[in-house]
Amino acid sequence: MSRIVKAGLVQMSCSIDVEANFRNAEKGIREAAKKGAEIVCLPELFRSLYFCDKEDYENFKLAESIPGPSTERLGKLAKEKEISIIASLFEKRTEGVYHNTTAVIDNNGNYLGKYRKMHIPDDPGYYEKFYFTPGDLGYKVFPANGTNAGILICWDQWYPEAARITSLLGAEILFYPTAIGWAKAQDEATNKSQFQAWLTMMKAHAVANGVYVVAVNRTGIEGNMQFWGASFVADPFGNIICQASNDKEEVAVMELDMSRMDYYRTHWPFLRDRRIDSYEPISKRFLDE
């Protein structure tokens, strides 16, 4: 028997106006709900511009407690529309300790919990180590409208270990709130290579774990960065079954058949054939000897 979950993604651009961004996100959530979505994911740090492009102490003022004002506001909308919401926020844990965090709210408006980003980048234009303490809650899975939603965030997407562990915890869909793009001065060949690497890595997570992958990216130009959008859904064979444009705000809803996961996992039995007795070396930084 089919078990259908309707997953919604809200691809949006962001401005310096925090309230305008929030209203835009709410508009996207309402549109997704109108299209039948049962669980909706927003892009990474949707309340503001992607502020990690520079190190500026003023940006810490954007942070908030979780649960807090944003989860309360989104909770009311989730209850009104009877949908679950996955919302990426800048968390102030205490004075001097901040996280890149995603909150999950159920269809009754209840705050279920949060995942704190584990892998923190420090690259030109992505100075996240200046702002964020690495996550310490471990990998997380949440019940959400008939499915188990695993939450990972942007830079986590390059690590097969994160996708594997979250899948082993019971995730059926891996959601990746994301903020990734091209430097405006970069050549087209490099742009294409980076974009294809991103798609390949994410599709590989779907195939290796027999799960659906939902990546929700921002779009638009912010400073020297062109965020490439292209939010997508991949099925457990790595087929892209839905993909947004590179440069437009879009809301999409896809029907995902959770009952098909058993088919994928029995025909490609990667979980069955794992040699867990041989994986101890993966816990080392590098195998020097």
C-alpha atoms as a PDB file:
ATOM      1  CA  MET A   1       0.000   0.000   0.000  1.00  0.00           C
ATOM      2  CA  SER A   2       1.298   3.432  -0.924  1.00  0.00           C
ATOM      3  CA  ARG A   3       2.219   5.864   1.840  1.00  0.00           C
ATOM      4  CA  ILE A   4       2.358   9.280   0.243  1.00  0.00           C
ATOM      5  CA  VAL A   5       3.980  12.311   1.872  1.00  0.00           C
ATOM      6  CA  LYS A   6       3.677  15.672   0.123  1.00  0.00           C
ATOM      7  CA  ALA A   7       6.899  17.600   0.629  1.00  0.00           C
ATOM      8  CA  GLY A   8       7.086  21.321  -0.096  1.00  0.00           C
ATOM      9  CA  LEU A   9      10.155  23.431  -0.744  1.00  0.00           C
ATOM     10  CA  VAL A  10      10.268  27.222  -0.646  1.00  0.00           C
ATOM     11  CA  GLN A  11      13.096  28.685  -2.733  1.00  0.00           C
ATOM     12  CA  MET A  12      13.396  32.388  -1.938  1.00  0.00           C
ATOM     13  CA  SER A  13      15.688  35.359  -2.195  1.00  0.00           C
ATOM     14  CA  CYS A  14      16.509  37.413   0.894  1.00  0.00           C
ATOM     15  CA  SER A  15      17.043  41.086   1.654  1.00  0.00           C
ATOM     16  CA  ILE A  16      18.397  43.189   4.505  1.00  0.00           C
ATOM     17  CA  ASP A  17      14.811  43.563   5.809  1.00  0.00           C
ATOM     18  CA  VAL A  18      14.293  40.731   8.315  1.00  0.00           C
ATOM     19  CA  GLU A  19      10.551  41.242   8.600  1.00  0.00           C
ATOM     20  CA  ALA A  20      10.103  41.303   4.820  1.00  0.00           C
ATOM     21  CA  ASN A  21      12.029  38.033   4.578  1.00  0.00           C
ATOM     22  CA  PHE A  22       9.825  36.439   7.200  1.00  0.00           C
ATOM     23  CA  ARG A  23       6.658  37.549   5.436  1.00  0.00           C
ATOM     24  CA  ASN A  24       8.050  36.176   2.181  1.00  0.00           C
ATOM     25  CA  ALA A  25       8.715  32.832   3.867  1.00  0.00           C
ATOM     26  CA  GLU A  26       5.203  32.786   5.289  1.00  0.00           C
ATOM     27  CA  LYS A  27       3.818  33.533   1.831  1.00  0.00           C
ATOM     28  CA  GLY A  28       5.780  30.594   0.431  1.00  0.00           C
ATOM     29  CA  ILE A  29       4.574  28.293   3.193  1.00  0.00           C
ATOM     30  CA  ARG A  30       0.958  29.287   2.534  1.00  0.00           C
ATOM     31  CA  GLU A  31       1.419  28.665  -1.186  1.00  0.00           C
ATOM     32  CA  ALA A  32       2.924  25.249  -0.494  1.00  0.00           C
ATOM     33  CA  ALA A  33       0.054  24.395   1.842  1.00  0.00           C
ATOM     34  CA  LYS A  34      -2.441  25.450  -0.839  1.00  0.00           C
ATOM     35  CA  LYS A  35      -0.720  23.017  -3.206  1.00  0.00           C
ATOM     36  CA  GLY A  36      -1.225  20.236  -0.667  1.00  0.00           C
ATOM     37  CA  ALA A  37       2.111  20.172   1.144  1.00  0.00           C
ATOM     38  CA  GLU A  38       2.214  18.335   4.451  1.00  0.00           C
ATOM     39  CA  ILE A  39       5.797  19.247   5.362  1.00  0.00           C
ATOM     40  CA  VAL A  40       7.544  22.409   4.152  1.00  0.00           C
ATOM     41  CA  CYS A  41      11.246  23.296   4.252  1.00  0.00           C
ATOM     42  CA  LEU A  42      12.747  26.803   4.073  1.00  0.00           C
ATOM     43  CA  PRO A  43      16.299  27.744   2.947  1.00  0.00           C
ATOM     44  CA  GLU A  44      19.233  28.127   5.306  1.00  0.00           C
ATOM     45  CA  LEU A  45      19.118  31.282   7.475  1.00  0.00           C
ATOM     46  CA  PHE A  46      16.075  32.604   5.581  1.00  0.00           C
ATOM     47  CA  ARG A  47      15.427  35.528   7.963  1.00  0.00           C
ATOM     48  CA  SER A  48      18.349  37.604   6.697  1.00  0.00           C
ATOM     49  CA  LEU A  49      20.955  38.054   4.037  1.00  0.00           C
ATOM     50  CA  TYR A  50      23.639  35.390   4.185  1.00  0.00           C
ATOM     51  CA  PHE A  51      25.717  37.387   6.660  1.00  0.00           C
ATOM     52  CA  CYS A  52      28.624  34.927   6.845  1.00  0.00           C
ATOM     53  CA  ASP A  53      30.213  36.487   3.758  1.00  0.00           C
ATOM     54  CA  LYS A  54      32.110  38.730   6.182  1.00  0.00           C
ATOM     55  CA  GLU A  55      33.157  38.801   9.810  1.00  0.00           C
ATOM     56  CA  ASP A  56      31.083  41.489  11.501  1.00  0.00           C
ATOM     57  CA  TYR A  57      30.163  41.481  15.194  1.00  0.00           C
ATOM     58  CA  GLU A  58      26.965  43.415  14.434  1.00  0.00           C
ATOM     59  CA  ASN A  59      25.555  40.308  12.786  1.00  0.00           C
ATOM     60  CA  PHE A  60      25.308  38.509  16.111  1.00  0.00           C
ATOM     61  CA  LYS A  61      22.306  40.745  16.800  1.00  0.00           C
ATOM     62  CA  LEU A  62      20.373  38.665  14.260  1.00  0.00           C
ATOM     63  CA  ALA A  63      20.453  35.615  16.538  1.00  0.00           C
ATOM     64  CA  GLU A  64      17.560  34.466  18.722  1.00  0.00           C
ATOM     65  CA  SER A  65      16.652  31.740  21.177  1.00  0.00           C
ATOM     66  CA  ILE A  66      15.204  28.449  19.931  1.00  0.00           C
ATOM     67  CA  PRO A  67      12.440  27.903  20.786  1.00  0.00           C
ATOM     68  CA  GLY A  68      11.735  31.591  20.596  1.00  0.00           C
ATOM     69  CA  PRO A  69       9.916  34.254  18.604  1.00  0.00           C
ATOM     70  CA  SER A  70      10.383  32.661  15.184  1.00  0.00           C
ATOM     71  CA  THR A  71       9.298  29.180  16.240  1.00  0.00           C
ATOM     72  CA  GLU A  72       6.285  30.669  18.012  1.00  0.00           C
ATOM     73  CA  ARG A  73       5.271  32.619  14.913  1.00  0.00           C
ATOM     74  CA  LEU A  74       5.805  29.668  12.595  1.00  0.00           C
ATOM     75  CA  GLY A  75       3.995  27.395  15.035  1.00  0.00           C
ATOM     76  CA  LYS A  76       0.821  29.418  14.637  1.00  0.00           C
ATOM     77  CA  LEU A  77       1.070  29.119  10.860  1.00  0.00           C
ATOM     78  CA  ALA A  78       1.801  25.392  11.067  1.00  0.00           C
ATOM     79  CA  LYS A  79      -1.290  24.854  13.207  1.00  0.00           C
ATOM     80  CA  GLU A  80      -3.447  27.022  10.951  1.00  0.00           C
ATOM     81  CA  LYS A  81      -2.406  25.128   7.800  1.00  0.00           C
ATOM     82  CA  GLU A  82      -1.947  21.738   9.511  1.00  0.00           C
ATOM     83  CA  ILE A  83       1.555  21.310   8.112  1.00  0.00           C
ATOM     84  CA  SER A  84       4.986  20.596   9.520  1.00  0.00           C
ATOM     85  CA  ILE A  85       7.649  23.282   9.020  1.00  0.00           C
ATOM     86  CA  ILE A  86      11.443  22.948   8.856  1.00  0.00           C
ATOM     87  CA  ALA A  87      12.996  26.356   9.569  1.00  0.00           C
ATOM     88  CA  SER A  88      16.701  27.252   9.569  1.00  0.00           C
ATOM     89  CA  LEU A  89      17.539  29.917  12.171  1.00  0.00           C
ATOM     90  CA  PHE A  90      20.513  31.666  13.786  1.00  0.00           C
ATOM     91  CA  GLU A  91      20.450  30.445  17.379  1.00  0.00           C
ATOM     92  CA  LYS A  92      21.767  32.320  20.402  1.00  0.00           C
ATOM     93  CA  ARG A  93      22.295  29.599  22.968  1.00  0.00           C
ATOM     94  CA  THR A  94      23.823  31.885  25.574  1.00  0.00           C
ATOM     95  CA  GLU A  95      26.144  34.868  25.629  1.00  0.00           C
ATOM     96  CA  GLY A  96      29.010  34.088  23.274  1.00  0.00           C
ATOM     97  CA  VAL A  97      27.662  30.718  22.057  1.00  0.00           C
ATOM     98  CA  TYR A  98      25.794  30.690  18.761  1.00  0.00           C
ATOM     99  CA  HIS A  99      24.692  27.921  16.404  1.00  0.00           C
ATOM    100  CA  ASN A 100      23.419  27.458  12.873  1.00  0.00           C
ATOM    101  CA  THR A 101      20.263  25.601  13.818  1.00  0.00           C
ATOM    102  CA  THR A 102      17.155  24.172  12.204  1.00  0.00           C
ATOM    103  CA  ALA A 103      13.915  23.959  14.181  1.00  0.00           C
ATOM    104  CA  VAL A 104      11.126  21.505  13.411  1.00  0.00           C
ATOM    105  CA  ILE A 105       7.472  22.299  14.081  1.00  0.00           C
ATOM    106  CA  ASP A 106       4.673  19.748  13.720  1.00  0.00           C
ATOM    107  CA  ASN A 107       1.255  20.137  12.121  1.00  0.00           C
ATOM    108  CA  ASN A 108      -0.306  21.014  15.478  1.00  0.00           C
ATOM    109  CA  GLY A 109       2.054  23.949  15.877  1.00  0.00           C
ATOM    110  CA  ASN A 110       4.218  22.202  18.452  1.00  0.00           C
ATOM    111  CA  TYR A 111       7.963  22.740  18.533  1.00  0.00           C
ATOM    112  CA  LEU A 112       9.484  19.250  18.194  1.00  0.00           C
ATOM    113  CA  GLY A 113      13.145  20.085  18.589  1.00  0.00           C
ATOM    114  CA  LYS A 114      16.219  21.255  16.730  1.00  0.00           C
ATOM    115  CA  TYR A 115      19.298  20.129  14.887  1.00  0.00           C
ATOM    116  CA  ARG A 116      22.518  22.118  15.171  1.00  0.00           C
ATOM    117  CA  LYS A 117      24.765  22.143  12.115  1.00  0.00           C
ATOM    118  CA  MET A 118      27.683  19.807  12.700  1.00  0.00           C
ATOM    119  CA  HIS A 119      30.086  20.753   9.904  1.00  0.00           C
ATOM    120  CA  ILE A 120      31.049  24.427   9.891  1.00  0.00           C
ATOM    121  CA  PRO A 121      32.864  25.837   6.830  1.00  0.00           C
ATOM    122  CA  ASP A 122      35.489  28.553   6.680  1.00  0.00           C
ATOM    123  CA  ASP A 123      36.001  29.520   3.056  1.00  0.00           C
ATOM    124  CA  PRO A 124      36.099  32.830   1.166  1.00  0.00           C
ATOM    125  CA  GLY A 125      32.574  34.186   1.374  1.00  0.00           C
ATOM    126  CA  TYR A 126      31.552  31.527   3.914  1.00  0.00           C
ATOM    127  CA  TYR A 127      33.147  32.573   7.205  1.00  0.00           C
ATOM    128  CA  GLU A 128      30.843  30.498   9.372  1.00  0.00           C
ATOM    129  CA  LYS A 129      33.431  29.553  11.984  1.00  0.00           C
ATOM    130  CA  PHE A 130      33.422  33.198  13.079  1.00  0.00           C
ATOM    131  CA  TYR A 131      29.740  32.884  14.019  1.00  0.00           C
ATOM    132  CA  PHE A 132      28.811  29.294  14.736  1.00  0.00           C
ATOM    133  CA  THR A 133      29.819  26.766  17.360  1.00  0.00           C
ATOM    134  CA  PRO A 134      29.718  23.217  15.904  1.00  0.00           C
ATOM    135  CA  GLY A 135      26.578  21.289  16.757  1.00  0.00           C
ATOM    136  CA  ASP A 136      26.583  19.132  19.873  1.00  0.00           C
ATOM    137  CA  LEU A 137      23.164  17.461  19.678  1.00  0.00           C
ATOM    138  CA  GLY A 138      24.255  14.752  17.276  1.00  0.00           C
ATOM    139  CA  TYR A 139      22.283  13.809  14.196  1.00  0.00           C
ATOM    140  CA  LYS A 140      18.536  14.084  14.506  1.00  0.00           C
ATOM    141  CA  VAL A 141      15.349  12.632  13.041  1.00  0.00           C
ATOM    142  CA  PHE A 142      11.855  14.005  13.702  1.00  0.00           C
ATOM    143  CA  PRO A 143       8.357  12.570  13.105  1.00  0.00           C
ATOM    144  CA  ALA A 144       6.603  14.856  10.641  1.00  0.00           C
ATOM    145  CA  ASN A 145       3.206  14.221   9.077  1.00  0.00           C
ATOM    146  CA  GLY A 146       3.592  10.552   8.297  1.00  0.00           C
ATOM    147  CA  THR A 147       7.329  10.388   7.730  1.00  0.00           C
ATOM    148  CA  ASN A 148      10.625  10.516   9.592  1.00  0.00           C
ATOM    149  CA  ALA A 149      12.446  13.699   8.622  1.00  0.00           C
ATOM    150  CA  GLY A 150      16.210  13.797   8.956  1.00  0.00           C
ATOM    151  CA  ILE A 151      17.653  17.313   9.113  1.00  0.00           C
ATOM    152  CA  LEU A 152      21.107  18.321   7.894  1.00  0.00           C
ATOM    153  CA  ILE A 153      22.310  21.801   6.908  1.00  0.00           C
ATOM    154  CA  CYS A 154      24.240  22.996   3.837  1.00  0.00           C
ATOM    155  CA  TRP A 155      27.935  22.153   4.458  1.00  0.00           C
ATOM    156  CA  ASP A 156      26.773  18.877   6.053  1.00  0.00           C
ATOM    157  CA  GLN A 157      25.752  17.854   2.537  1.00  0.00           C
ATOM    158  CA  TRP A 158      29.348  17.075   1.543  1.00  0.00           C
ATOM    159  CA  TYR A 159      29.760  14.418   4.236  1.00  0.00           C
ATOM    160  CA  PRO A 160      28.462  10.904   3.533  1.00  0.00           C
ATOM    161  CA  GLU A 161      28.924  10.056   7.211  1.00  0.00           C
ATOM    162  CA  ALA A 162      26.249  12.588   8.197  1.00  0.00           C
ATOM    163  CA  ALA A 163      23.752  11.288   5.646  1.00  0.00           C
ATOM    164  CA  ARG A 164      24.468   7.675   6.633  1.00  0.00           C
ATOM    165  CA  ILE A 165      24.061   8.177  10.369  1.00  0.00           C
ATOM    166  CA  THR A 166      20.885  10.201   9.939  1.00  0.00           C
ATOM    167  CA  SER A 167      19.485   7.486   7.679  1.00  0.00           C
ATOM    168  CA  LEU A 168      20.446   4.775  10.176  1.00  0.00           C
ATOM    169  CA  LEU A 169      18.471   6.719  12.788  1.00  0.00           C
ATOM    170  CA  GLY A 170      15.382   6.069  10.677  1.00  0.00           C
ATOM    171  CA  ALA A 171      15.193   9.070   8.367  1.00  0.00           C
ATOM    172  CA  GLU A 172      13.098   8.492   5.256  1.00  0.00           C
ATOM    173  CA  ILE A 173      13.670  11.973   3.845  1.00  0.00           C
ATOM    174  CA  LEU A 174      16.877  13.969   4.274  1.00  0.00           C
ATOM    175  CA  PHE A 175      16.118  17.693   4.275  1.00  0.00           C
ATOM    176  CA  TYR A 176      18.989  20.095   3.571  1.00  0.00           C
ATOM    177  CA  PRO A 177      18.264  23.817   4.149  1.00  0.00           C
ATOM    178  CA  THR A 178      21.014  25.387   2.044  1.00  0.00           C
ATOM    179  CA  ALA A 179      22.744  28.634   1.068  1.00  0.00           C
ATOM    180  CA  ILE A 180      25.173  27.891  -1.745  1.00  0.00           C
ATOM    181  CA  GLY A 181      26.152  29.745  -4.883  1.00  0.00           C
ATOM    182  CA  TRP A 182      28.799  31.093  -7.202  1.00  0.00           C
ATOM    183  CA  ALA A 183      31.171  33.992  -6.717  1.00  0.00           C
ATOM    184  CA  LYS A 184      30.106  36.603  -9.278  1.00  0.00           C
ATOM    185  CA  ALA A 185      33.627  36.900 -10.690  1.00  0.00           C
ATOM    186  CA  GLN A 186      34.002  33.152 -11.204  1.00  0.00           C
ATOM    187  CA  ASP A 187      34.261  31.673 -14.712  1.00  0.00           C
ATOM    188  CA  GLU A 188      31.394  29.647 -16.188  1.00  0.00           C
ATOM    189  CA  ALA A 189      33.348  26.394 -16.418  1.00  0.00           C
ATOM    190  CA  THR A 190      34.090  26.475 -12.686  1.00  0.00           C
ATOM    191  CA  ASN A 191      30.462  27.363 -11.962  1.00  0.00           C
ATOM    192  CA  LYS A 192      29.262  24.358 -13.913  1.00  0.00           C
ATOM    193  CA  SER A 193      31.723  22.005 -12.226  1.00  0.00           C
ATOM    194  CA  GLN A 194      30.761  23.164  -8.729  1.00  0.00           C
ATOM    195  CA  PHE A 195      27.066  22.877  -9.462  1.00  0.00           C
ATOM    196  CA  GLN A 196      27.413  19.356 -10.869  1.00  0.00           C
ATOM    197  CA  ALA A 197      29.508  18.304  -7.866  1.00  0.00           C
ATOM    198  CA  TRP A 198      26.731  19.514  -5.569  1.00  0.00           C
ATOM    199  CA  LEU A 199      24.072  17.573  -7.436  1.00  0.00           C
ATOM    200  CA  THR A 200      26.223  14.447  -7.641  1.00  0.00           C
ATOM    201  CA  MET A 201      26.992  14.429  -3.930  1.00  0.00           C
ATOM    202  CA  MET A 202      23.376  14.869  -2.901  1.00  0.00           C
ATOM    203  CA  LYS A 203      22.068  12.257  -5.331  1.00  0.00           C
ATOM    204  CA  ALA A 204      24.692   9.858  -3.986  1.00  0.00           C
ATOM    205  CA  HIS A 205      23.278  10.265  -0.461  1.00  0.00           C
ATOM    206  CA  ALA A 206      19.864   9.250  -1.787  1.00  0.00           C
ATOM    207  CA  VAL A 207      21.236   6.183  -3.592  1.00  0.00           C
ATOM    208  CA  ALA A 208      23.593   4.979  -0.869  1.00  0.00           C
ATOM    209  CA  ASN A 209      20.946   5.198   1.837  1.00  0.00           C
ATOM    210  CA  GLY A 210      17.741   4.439  -0.063  1.00  0.00           C
ATOM    211  CA  VAL A 211      16.090   7.698   1.023  1.00  0.00           C
ATOM    212  CA  TYR A 212      14.576  10.771  -0.550  1.00  0.00           C
ATOM    213  CA  VAL A 213      16.681  13.938  -0.502  1.00  0.00           C
ATOM    214  CA  VAL A 214      15.156  17.427  -0.445  1.00  0.00           C
ATOM    215  CA  ALA A 215      17.596  20.329  -0.862  1.00  0.00           C
ATOM    216  CA  VAL A 216      16.159  23.837  -0.422  1.00  0.00           C
ATOM    217  CA  ASN A 217      18.490  26.634  -1.511  1.00  0.00           C
ATOM    218  CA  ARG A 218      18.152  30.403  -1.613  1.00  0.00           C
ATOM    219  CA  THR A 219      18.451  32.341  -4.852  1.00  0.00           C
ATOM    220  CA  GLY A 220      19.371  35.902  -5.834  1.00  0.00           C
ATOM    221  CA  ILE A 221      22.469  38.086  -5.719  1.00  0.00           C
ATOM    222  CA  GLU A 222      23.858  39.101  -2.330  1.00  0.00           C
ATOM    223  CA  GLY A 223      27.078  41.086  -2.384  1.00  0.00           C
ATOM    224  CA  ASN A 224      29.584  39.135  -4.466  1.00  0.00           C
ATOM    225  CA  MET A 225      27.575  35.921  -4.408  1.00  0.00           C
ATOM    226  CA  GLN A 226      25.006  34.605  -6.869  1.00  0.00           C
ATOM    227  CA  PHE A 227      23.081  31.943  -4.978  1.00  0.00           C
ATOM    228  CA  TRP A 228      22.263  29.274  -7.524  1.00  0.00           C
ATOM    229  CA  GLY A 229      18.813  28.171  -6.363  1.00  0.00           C
ATOM    230  CA  ALA A 230      18.027  24.878  -8.155  1.00  0.00           C
ATOM    231  CA  SER A 231      16.290  23.447  -5.091  1.00  0.00           C
ATOM    232  CA  PHE A 232      15.409  19.845  -5.832  1.00  0.00           C
ATOM    233  CA  VAL A 233      14.009  16.510  -4.768  1.00  0.00           C
ATOM    234  CA  ALA A 234      15.841  13.255  -5.530  1.00  0.00           C
ATOM    235  CA  ASP A 235      14.298   9.813  -5.183  1.00  0.00           C
ATOM    236  CA  PRO A 236      16.168   6.858  -3.624  1.00  0.00           C
ATOM    237  CA  PHE A 237      17.665   5.926  -7.017  1.00  0.00           C
ATOM    238  CA  GLY A 238      19.127   9.424  -7.334  1.00  0.00           C
ATOM    239  CA  ASN A 239      16.655  10.597  -9.990  1.00  0.00           C
ATOM    240  CA  ILE A 240      15.856  14.306  -9.764  1.00  0.00           C
ATOM    241  CA  ILE A 241      12.069  14.323  -9.752  1.00  0.00           C
ATOM    242  CA  CYS A 242      11.649  18.041  -9.119  1.00  0.00           C
ATOM    243  CA  GLN A 243      14.024  20.981  -9.591  1.00  0.00           C
ATOM    244  CA  ALA A 244      13.580  24.743  -9.351  1.00  0.00           C
ATOM    245  CA  SER A 245      15.291  27.311 -11.559  1.00  0.00           C
ATOM    246  CA  ASN A 246      18.626  28.924 -10.739  1.00  0.00           C
ATOM    247  CA  ASP A 247      17.408  32.495 -10.467  1.00  0.00           C
ATOM    248  CA  LYS A 248      13.718  32.668  -9.509  1.00  0.00           C
ATOM    249  CA  GLU A 249      11.738  32.356  -6.315  1.00  0.00           C
ATOM    250  CA  GLU A 250       9.656  29.187  -6.543  1.00  0.00           C
ATOM    251  CA  VAL A 251       7.427  26.986  -4.426  1.00  0.00           C
ATOM    252  CA  ALA A 252       7.145  23.322  -5.343  1.00  0.00           C
ATOM    253  CA  VAL A 253       5.316  20.358  -3.826  1.00  0.00           C
ATOM    254  CA  MET A 254       6.140  16.732  -4.631  1.00  0.00           C
ATOM    255  CA  GLU A 255       4.369  13.518  -3.718  1.00  0.00           C
ATOM    256  CA  LEU A 256       6.874  11.078  -2.222  1.00  0.00           C
ATOM    257  CA  ASP A 257       5.862   7.451  -1.877  1.00  0.00           C
ATOM    258  CA  MET A 258       7.459   6.216   1.328  1.00  0.00           C
ATOM    259  CA  SER A 259       6.352   2.649   0.632  1.00  0.00           C
ATOM    260  CA  ARG A 260       8.783   2.533  -2.318  1.00  0.00           C
ATOM    261  CA  MET A 261      11.752   2.694   0.019  1.00  0.00           C
ATOM    262  CA  ASP A 262      11.524  -1.038   0.698  1.00  0.00           C
ATOM    263  CA  TYR A 263      11.667  -1.702  -3.051  1.00  0.00           C
ATOM    264  CA  TYR A 264      14.767   0.447  -3.457  1.00  0.00           C
ATOM    265  CA  ARG A 265      16.520  -1.036  -0.436  1.00  0.00           C
ATOM    266  CA  THR A 266      15.793  -4.669  -1.321  1.00  0.00           C
ATOM    267  CA  HIS A 267      16.836  -4.296  -4.960  1.00  0.00           C
ATOM    268  CA  TRP A 268      19.969  -2.327  -4.043  1.00  0.00           C
ATOM    269  CA  PRO A 269      20.687  -3.821  -0.601  1.00  0.00           C
ATOM    270  CA  PHE A 270      23.485  -1.527   0.473  1.00  0.00           C
ATOM    271  CA  LEU A 271      22.371  -1.488   4.096  1.00  0.00           C
ATOM    272  CA  ARG A 272      22.282  -5.285   4.201  1.00  0.00           C
ATOM    273  CA  ASP A 273      25.824  -5.599   2.875  1.00  0.00           C
ATOM    274  CA  ARG A 274      27.535  -3.047   5.073  1.00  0.00           C
ATOM    275  CA  ARG A 275      30.679  -4.409   6.753  1.00  0.00           C
ATOM    276  CA  ILE A 276      30.232  -2.645  10.053  1.00  0.00           C
ATOM    277  CA  ASP A 277      33.070  -4.718  11.537  1.00  0.00           C
ATOM    278  CA  SER A 278      35.545  -2.989   9.193  1.00  0.00           C
ATOM    279  CA  TYR A 279      34.648   0.681   9.638  1.00  0.00           C
ATOM    280  CA  GLU A 280      36.561   1.628  12.798  1.00  0.00           C
ATOM    281  CA  PRO A 281      39.241   3.523  10.827  1.00  0.00           C
ATOM    282  CA  ILE A 282      36.654   6.060   9.651  1.00  0.00           C
ATOM    283  CA  SER A 283      36.751   7.603  13.127  1.00  0.00           C
ATOM    284  CA  LYS A 284      40.361   8.699  12.586  1.00  0.00           C
ATOM    285  CA  ARG A 285      41.255  12.122  11.126  1.00  0.00           C
ATOM    286  CA  PHE A 286      43.705  10.529   8.678  1.00  0.00           C
ATOM    287  CA  LEU A 287      45.391   7.126   8.457  1.00  0.00           C
ATOM    288  CA  ASP A 288      49.052   8.085   8.684  1.00  0.00           C
ATOM    289  CA  GLU A 289      50.380   4.630   9.489  1.00  0.00           C
END
